[in-house]
Amino acid sequence: MQDQPAVTLTDLVPYQSVPDKFPHLYSRKSWQWVVKQRQHNGLARAFRKVGKQLFVNTQVLAECIDSQLAD
């Protein structure tokens, strides 16, 4: 069995705040496209829906981006 790192609430941010938190990675417009295409661009693992709200696990987002660079 694989040990998964614990997810804390500080790792989960509302998806709308990612361009503000990481402006060097995504502009608002490019982030909107990434969110819409998350099932196809390899970043779906980083997204979590809580009720009607969509959140991003920033640690998993970094892992997804890093794995894309390794390919």
PDB file of N, CA and C in Angstrom:
ATOM      1  N   MET A   1       0.839  -1.191   0.000  1.00  0.00           N
ATOM      2  CA  MET A   1       0.000   0.000   0.000  1.00  0.00           C
ATOM      3  C   MET A   1       0.880   1.249   0.000  1.00  0.00           C
ATOM      4  N   GLN A   2       0.489   2.212  -0.768  1.00  0.00           N
ATOM      5  CA  GLN A   2       1.286   3.419  -0.933  1.00  0.00           C
ATOM      6  C   GLN A   2       0.843   4.474   0.075  1.00  0.00           C
ATOM      7  N   ASP A   3       1.808   5.084   0.752  1.00  0.00           N
ATOM      8  CA  ASP A   3       1.496   6.157   1.695  1.00  0.00           C
ATOM      9  C   ASP A   3       1.311   7.453   0.931  1.00  0.00           C
ATOM     10  N   GLN A   4       0.168   8.092   1.146  1.00  0.00           N
ATOM     11  CA  GLN A   4      -0.081   9.368   0.502  1.00  0.00           C
ATOM     12  C   GLN A   4       0.176  10.479   1.512  1.00  0.00           C
ATOM     13  N   PRO A   5       0.809  11.555   1.082  1.00  0.00           N
ATOM     14  CA  PRO A   5       1.031  12.663   2.010  1.00  0.00           C
ATOM     15  C   PRO A   5      -0.294  13.270   2.433  1.00  0.00           C
ATOM     16  N   ALA A   6      -0.330  13.729   3.663  1.00  0.00           N
ATOM     17  CA  ALA A   6      -1.548  14.331   4.183  1.00  0.00           C
ATOM     18  C   ALA A   6      -1.829  15.657   3.477  1.00  0.00           C
ATOM     19  N   VAL A   7      -3.073  15.880   3.165  1.00  0.00           N
ATOM     20  CA  VAL A   7      -3.491  17.131   2.538  1.00  0.00           C
ATOM     21  C   VAL A   7      -3.985  18.055   3.641  1.00  0.00           C
ATOM     22  N   THR A   8      -3.460  19.253   3.665  1.00  0.00           N
ATOM     23  CA  THR A   8      -3.919  20.227   4.644  1.00  0.00           C
ATOM     24  C   THR A   8      -4.761  21.285   3.942  1.00  0.00           C
ATOM     25  N   LEU A   9      -5.520  22.020   4.718  1.00  0.00           N
ATOM     26  CA  LEU A   9      -6.360  23.058   4.134  1.00  0.00           C
ATOM     27  C   LEU A   9      -5.551  24.170   3.494  1.00  0.00           C
ATOM     28  N   THR A  10      -4.310  24.335   3.920  1.00  0.00           N
ATOM     29  CA  THR A  10      -3.473  25.364   3.291  1.00  0.00           C
ATOM     30  C   THR A  10      -3.065  24.962   1.879  1.00  0.00           C
ATOM     31  N   ASP A  11      -3.111  23.651   1.576  1.00  0.00           N
ATOM     32  CA  ASP A  11      -2.794  23.182   0.232  1.00  0.00           C
ATOM     33  C   ASP A  11      -3.944  23.419  -0.740  1.00  0.00           C
ATOM     34  N   LEU A  12      -5.168  23.506  -0.227  1.00  0.00           N
ATOM     35  CA  LEU A  12      -6.344  23.686  -1.071  1.00  0.00           C
ATOM     36  C   LEU A  12      -6.675  25.165  -1.202  1.00  0.00           C
ATOM     37  N   VAL A  13      -6.676  25.645  -2.416  1.00  0.00           N
ATOM     38  CA  VAL A  13      -7.023  27.041  -2.681  1.00  0.00           C
ATOM     39  C   VAL A  13      -8.154  27.073  -3.706  1.00  0.00           C
ATOM     40  N   PRO A  14      -9.031  28.072  -3.624  1.00  0.00           N
ATOM     41  CA  PRO A  14     -10.062  28.188  -4.660  1.00  0.00           C
ATOM     42  C   PRO A  14      -9.402  28.334  -6.027  1.00  0.00           C
ATOM     43  N   TYR A  15      -9.973  27.692  -7.017  1.00  0.00           N
ATOM     44  CA  TYR A  15      -9.333  27.676  -8.340  1.00  0.00           C
ATOM     45  C   TYR A  15      -9.155  29.077  -8.910  1.00  0.00           C
ATOM     46  N   GLN A  16     -10.023  30.013  -8.545  1.00  0.00           N
ATOM     47  CA  GLN A  16      -9.926  31.370  -9.081  1.00  0.00           C
ATOM     48  C   GLN A  16      -8.689  32.115  -8.570  1.00  0.00           C
ATOM     49  N   SER A  17      -8.139  31.694  -7.438  1.00  0.00           N
ATOM     50  CA  SER A  17      -7.023  32.435  -6.857  1.00  0.00           C
ATOM     51  C   SER A  17      -5.650  31.985  -7.362  1.00  0.00           C
ATOM     52  N   VAL A  18      -5.597  30.926  -8.159  1.00  0.00           N
ATOM     53  CA  VAL A  18      -4.302  30.428  -8.639  1.00  0.00           C
ATOM     54  C   VAL A  18      -3.552  31.464  -9.478  1.00  0.00           C
ATOM     55  N   PRO A  19      -4.193  32.165 -10.430  1.00  0.00           N
ATOM     56  CA  PRO A  19      -3.422  33.174 -11.190  1.00  0.00           C
ATOM     57  C   PRO A  19      -2.899  34.316 -10.309  1.00  0.00           C
ATOM     58  N   ASP A  20      -3.612  34.628  -9.228  1.00  0.00           N
ATOM     59  CA  ASP A  20      -3.137  35.672  -8.315  1.00  0.00           C
ATOM     60  C   ASP A  20      -1.973  35.169  -7.473  1.00  0.00           C
ATOM     61  N   LYS A  21      -2.053  33.909  -7.075  1.00  0.00           N
ATOM     62  CA  LYS A  21      -1.025  33.328  -6.215  1.00  0.00           C
ATOM     63  C   LYS A  21       0.245  32.978  -7.001  1.00  0.00           C
ATOM     64  N   PHE A  22       0.066  32.568  -8.261  1.00  0.00           N
ATOM     65  CA  PHE A  22       1.194  32.159  -9.106  1.00  0.00           C
ATOM     66  C   PHE A  22       1.148  32.870 -10.453  1.00  0.00           C
ATOM     67  N   PRO A  23       1.316  34.200 -10.466  1.00  0.00           N
ATOM     68  CA  PRO A  23       1.206  34.941 -11.733  1.00  0.00           C
ATOM     69  C   PRO A  23       2.317  34.603 -12.732  1.00  0.00           C
ATOM     70  N   HIS A  24       3.416  34.057 -12.246  1.00  0.00           N
ATOM     71  CA  HIS A  24       4.514  33.673 -13.144  1.00  0.00           C
ATOM     72  C   HIS A  24       4.194  32.400 -13.921  1.00  0.00           C
ATOM     73  N   LEU A  25       3.168  31.645 -13.488  1.00  0.00           N
ATOM     74  CA  LEU A  25       2.789  30.416 -14.194  1.00  0.00           C
ATOM     75  C   LEU A  25       1.620  30.615 -15.147  1.00  0.00           C
ATOM     76  N   TYR A  26       0.599  31.329 -14.679  1.00  0.00           N
ATOM     77  CA  TYR A  26      -0.634  31.442 -15.463  1.00  0.00           C
ATOM     78  C   TYR A  26      -1.199  32.850 -15.415  1.00  0.00           C
ATOM     79  N   SER A  27      -1.611  33.335 -16.579  1.00  0.00           N
ATOM     80  CA  SER A  27      -2.416  34.550 -16.617  1.00  0.00           C
ATOM     81  C   SER A  27      -3.855  34.122 -16.334  1.00  0.00           C
ATOM     82  N   ARG A  28      -4.727  35.063 -16.090  1.00  0.00           N
ATOM     83  CA  ARG A  28      -6.130  34.703 -15.834  1.00  0.00           C
ATOM     84  C   ARG A  28      -6.742  33.964 -17.025  1.00  0.00           C
ATOM     85  N   LYS A  29      -6.460  34.446 -18.208  1.00  0.00           N
ATOM     86  CA  LYS A  29      -7.041  33.846 -19.412  1.00  0.00           C
ATOM     87  C   LYS A  29      -6.504  32.435 -19.649  1.00  0.00           C
ATOM     88  N   SER A  30      -5.200  32.257 -19.492  1.00  0.00           N
ATOM     89  CA  SER A  30      -4.639  30.919 -19.700  1.00  0.00           C
ATOM     90  C   SER A  30      -5.107  29.951 -18.614  1.00  0.00           C
ATOM     91  N   TRP A  31      -5.285  30.444 -17.385  1.00  0.00           N
ATOM     92  CA  TRP A  31      -5.770  29.585 -16.309  1.00  0.00           C
ATOM     93  C   TRP A  31      -7.210  29.136 -16.572  1.00  0.00           C
ATOM     94  N   GLN A  32      -8.046  30.018 -17.093  1.00  0.00           N
ATOM     95  CA  GLN A  32      -9.417  29.627 -17.432  1.00  0.00           C
ATOM     96  C   GLN A  32      -9.400  28.475 -18.426  1.00  0.00           C
ATOM     97  N   TRP A  33      -8.513  28.540 -19.394  1.00  0.00           N
ATOM     98  CA  TRP A  33      -8.411  27.471 -20.385  1.00  0.00           C
ATOM     99  C   TRP A  33      -7.918  26.176 -19.728  1.00  0.00           C
ATOM    100  N   VAL A  34      -6.932  26.276 -18.840  1.00  0.00           N
ATOM    101  CA  VAL A  34      -6.411  25.098 -18.146  1.00  0.00           C
ATOM    102  C   VAL A  34      -7.518  24.430 -17.333  1.00  0.00           C
ATOM    103  N   VAL A  35      -8.325  25.217 -16.641  1.00  0.00           N
ATOM    104  CA  VAL A  35      -9.409  24.666 -15.823  1.00  0.00           C
ATOM    105  C   VAL A  35     -10.429  23.950 -16.698  1.00  0.00           C
ATOM    106  N   LYS A  36     -10.802  24.564 -17.805  1.00  0.00           N
ATOM    107  CA  LYS A  36     -11.785  23.938 -18.698  1.00  0.00           C
ATOM    108  C   LYS A  36     -11.254  22.652 -19.319  1.00  0.00           C
ATOM    109  N   GLN A  37      -9.963  22.602 -19.583  1.00  0.00           N
ATOM    110  CA  GLN A  37      -9.347  21.453 -20.257  1.00  0.00           C
ATOM    111  C   GLN A  37      -8.624  20.505 -19.287  1.00  0.00           C
ATOM    112  N   ARG A  38      -8.911  20.596 -17.995  1.00  0.00           N
ATOM    113  CA  ARG A  38      -8.150  19.841 -16.999  1.00  0.00           C
ATOM    114  C   ARG A  38      -8.212  18.322 -17.189  1.00  0.00           C
ATOM    115  N   GLN A  39      -9.284  17.818 -17.764  1.00  0.00           N
ATOM    116  CA  GLN A  39      -9.381  16.373 -18.008  1.00  0.00           C
ATOM    117  C   GLN A  39      -8.438  15.936 -19.128  1.00  0.00           C
ATOM    118  N   HIS A  40      -8.029  16.868 -19.967  1.00  0.00           N
ATOM    119  CA  HIS A  40      -7.220  16.542 -21.140  1.00  0.00           C
ATOM    120  C   HIS A  40      -5.760  16.969 -21.026  1.00  0.00           C
ATOM    121  N   ASN A  41      -5.446  17.826 -20.059  1.00  0.00           N
ATOM    122  CA  ASN A  41      -4.084  18.365 -19.997  1.00  0.00           C
ATOM    123  C   ASN A  41      -3.234  17.782 -18.862  1.00  0.00           C
ATOM    124  N   GLY A  42      -3.745  16.752 -18.175  1.00  0.00           N
ATOM    125  CA  GLY A  42      -2.963  16.094 -17.138  1.00  0.00           C
ATOM    126  C   GLY A  42      -3.004  16.747 -15.779  1.00  0.00           C
ATOM    127  N   LEU A  43      -3.843  17.766 -15.607  1.00  0.00           N
ATOM    128  CA  LEU A  43      -3.903  18.466 -14.322  1.00  0.00           C
ATOM    129  C   LEU A  43      -5.148  18.127 -13.500  1.00  0.00           C
ATOM    130  N   ALA A  44      -5.986  17.237 -13.992  1.00  0.00           N
ATOM    131  CA  ALA A  44      -7.239  16.911 -13.312  1.00  0.00           C
ATOM    132  C   ALA A  44      -7.010  16.394 -11.898  1.00  0.00           C
ATOM    133  N   ARG A  45      -5.900  15.722 -11.687  1.00  0.00           N
ATOM    134  CA  ARG A  45      -5.575  15.165 -10.364  1.00  0.00           C
ATOM    135  C   ARG A  45      -5.473  16.245  -9.290  1.00  0.00           C
ATOM    136  N   ALA A  46      -5.150  17.467  -9.675  1.00  0.00           N
ATOM    137  CA  ALA A  46      -4.949  18.551  -8.716  1.00  0.00           C
ATOM    138  C   ALA A  46      -6.256  19.216  -8.279  1.00  0.00           C
ATOM    139  N   PHE A  47      -7.346  18.941  -8.966  1.00  0.00           N
ATOM    140  CA  PHE A  47      -8.613  19.610  -8.686  1.00  0.00           C
ATOM    141  C   PHE A  47      -9.495  18.757  -7.781  1.00  0.00           C
ATOM    142  N   ARG A  48     -10.177  19.418  -6.831  1.00  0.00           N
ATOM    143  CA  ARG A  48     -11.129  18.761  -5.940  1.00  0.00           C
ATOM    144  C   ARG A  48     -12.378  19.609  -5.839  1.00  0.00           C
ATOM    145  N   LYS A  49     -13.501  18.968  -5.947  1.00  0.00           N
ATOM    146  CA  LYS A  49     -14.766  19.685  -5.817  1.00  0.00           C
ATOM    147  C   LYS A  49     -15.312  19.431  -4.413  1.00  0.00           C
ATOM    148  N   VAL A  50     -15.624  20.501  -3.706  1.00  0.00           N
ATOM    149  CA  VAL A  50     -16.198  20.420  -2.368  1.00  0.00           C
ATOM    150  C   VAL A  50     -17.529  21.140  -2.445  1.00  0.00           C
ATOM    151  N   GLY A  51     -18.602  20.368  -2.415  1.00  0.00           N
ATOM    152  CA  GLY A  51     -19.916  20.959  -2.637  1.00  0.00           C
ATOM    153  C   GLY A  51     -19.972  21.488  -4.055  1.00  0.00           C
ATOM    154  N   LYS A  52     -20.274  22.767  -4.190  1.00  0.00           N
ATOM    155  CA  LYS A  52     -20.307  23.390  -5.520  1.00  0.00           C
ATOM    156  C   LYS A  52     -19.021  24.149  -5.839  1.00  0.00           C
ATOM    157  N   GLN A  53     -18.094  24.160  -4.894  1.00  0.00           N
ATOM    158  CA  GLN A  53     -16.851  24.918  -5.059  1.00  0.00           C
ATOM    159  C   GLN A  53     -15.744  24.024  -5.603  1.00  0.00           C
ATOM    160  N   LEU A  54     -14.924  24.575  -6.486  1.00  0.00           N
ATOM    161  CA  LEU A  54     -13.792  23.862  -7.062  1.00  0.00           C
ATOM    162  C   LEU A  54     -12.501  24.397  -6.432  1.00  0.00           C
ATOM    163  N   PHE A  55     -11.685  23.485  -5.938  1.00  0.00           N
ATOM    164  CA  PHE A  55     -10.428  23.848  -5.300  1.00  0.00           C
ATOM    165  C   PHE A  55      -9.271  23.181  -6.029  1.00  0.00           C
ATOM    166  N   VAL A  56      -8.074  23.726  -5.815  1.00  0.00           N
ATOM    167  CA  VAL A  56      -6.857  23.167  -6.392  1.00  0.00           C
ATOM    168  C   VAL A  56      -5.908  22.832  -5.253  1.00  0.00           C
ATOM    169  N   ASN A  57      -5.389  21.619  -5.275  1.00  0.00           N
ATOM    170  CA  ASN A  57      -4.350  21.222  -4.336  1.00  0.00           C
ATOM    171  C   ASN A  57      -3.028  21.678  -4.952  1.00  0.00           C
ATOM    172  N   THR A  58      -2.407  22.667  -4.339  1.00  0.00           N
ATOM    173  CA  THR A  58      -1.216  23.273  -4.937  1.00  0.00           C
ATOM    174  C   THR A  58      -0.033  22.307  -4.977  1.00  0.00           C
ATOM    175  N   GLN A  59       0.066  21.407  -4.004  1.00  0.00           N
ATOM    176  CA  GLN A  59       1.150  20.425  -4.035  1.00  0.00           C
ATOM    177  C   GLN A  59       0.993  19.484  -5.218  1.00  0.00           C
ATOM    178  N   VAL A  60      -0.228  19.012  -5.442  1.00  0.00           N
ATOM    179  CA  VAL A  60      -0.475  18.092  -6.553  1.00  0.00           C
ATOM    180  C   VAL A  60      -0.334  18.828  -7.878  1.00  0.00           C
ATOM    181  N   LEU A  61      -0.746  20.088  -7.922  1.00  0.00           N
ATOM    182  CA  LEU A  61      -0.568  20.881  -9.145  1.00  0.00           C
ATOM    183  C   LEU A  61       0.910  20.965  -9.510  1.00  0.00           C
ATOM    184  N   ALA A  62       1.755  21.204  -8.514  1.00  0.00           N
ATOM    185  CA  ALA A  62       3.197  21.267  -8.757  1.00  0.00           C
ATOM    186  C   ALA A  62       3.728  19.923  -9.250  1.00  0.00           C
ATOM    187  N   GLU A  63       3.233  18.824  -8.671  1.00  0.00           N
ATOM    188  CA  GLU A  63       3.654  17.498  -9.112  1.00  0.00           C
ATOM    189  C   GLU A  63       3.232  17.240 -10.562  1.00  0.00           C
ATOM    190  N   CYS A  64       2.018  17.646 -10.903  1.00  0.00           N
ATOM    191  CA  CYS A  64       1.526  17.456 -12.273  1.00  0.00           C
ATOM    192  C   CYS A  64       2.361  18.250 -13.269  1.00  0.00           C
ATOM    193  N   ILE A  65       2.649  19.491 -12.927  1.00  0.00           N
ATOM    194  CA  ILE A  65       3.461  20.330 -13.814  1.00  0.00           C
ATOM    195  C   ILE A  65       4.855  19.734 -13.955  1.00  0.00           C
ATOM    196  N   ASP A  66       5.415  19.263 -12.845  1.00  0.00           N
ATOM    197  CA  ASP A  66       6.750  18.670 -12.870  1.00  0.00           C
ATOM    198  C   ASP A  66       6.777  17.400 -13.717  1.00  0.00           C
ATOM    199  N   SER A  67       5.737  16.590 -13.614  1.00  0.00           N
ATOM    200  CA  SER A  67       5.709  15.352 -14.400  1.00  0.00           C
ATOM    201  C   SER A  67       5.567  15.647 -15.893  1.00  0.00           C
ATOM    202  N   GLN A  68       4.900  16.740 -16.245  1.00  0.00           N
ATOM    203  CA  GLN A  68       4.781  17.122 -17.650  1.00  0.00           C
ATOM    204  C   GLN A  68       6.131  17.558 -18.203  1.00  0.00           C
ATOM    205  N   LEU A  69       6.923  18.206 -17.379  1.00  0.00           N
ATOM    206  CA  LEU A  69       8.249  18.648 -17.818  1.00  0.00           C
ATOM    207  C   LEU A  69       9.192  17.472 -18.009  1.00  0.00           C
ATOM    208  N   ALA A  70       8.961  16.386 -17.258  1.00  0.00           N
ATOM    209  CA  ALA A  70       9.826  15.211 -17.349  1.00  0.00           C
ATOM    210  C   ALA A  70       9.568  14.422 -18.625  1.00  0.00           C
ATOM    211  N   ASP A  71       8.369  14.580 -19.203  1.00  0.00           N
ATOM    212  CA  ASP A  71       8.023  13.812 -20.410  1.00  0.00           C
ATOM    213  C   ASP A  71       8.754  14.282 -21.629  1.00  0.00           C
TER     214      ASP A  71
END
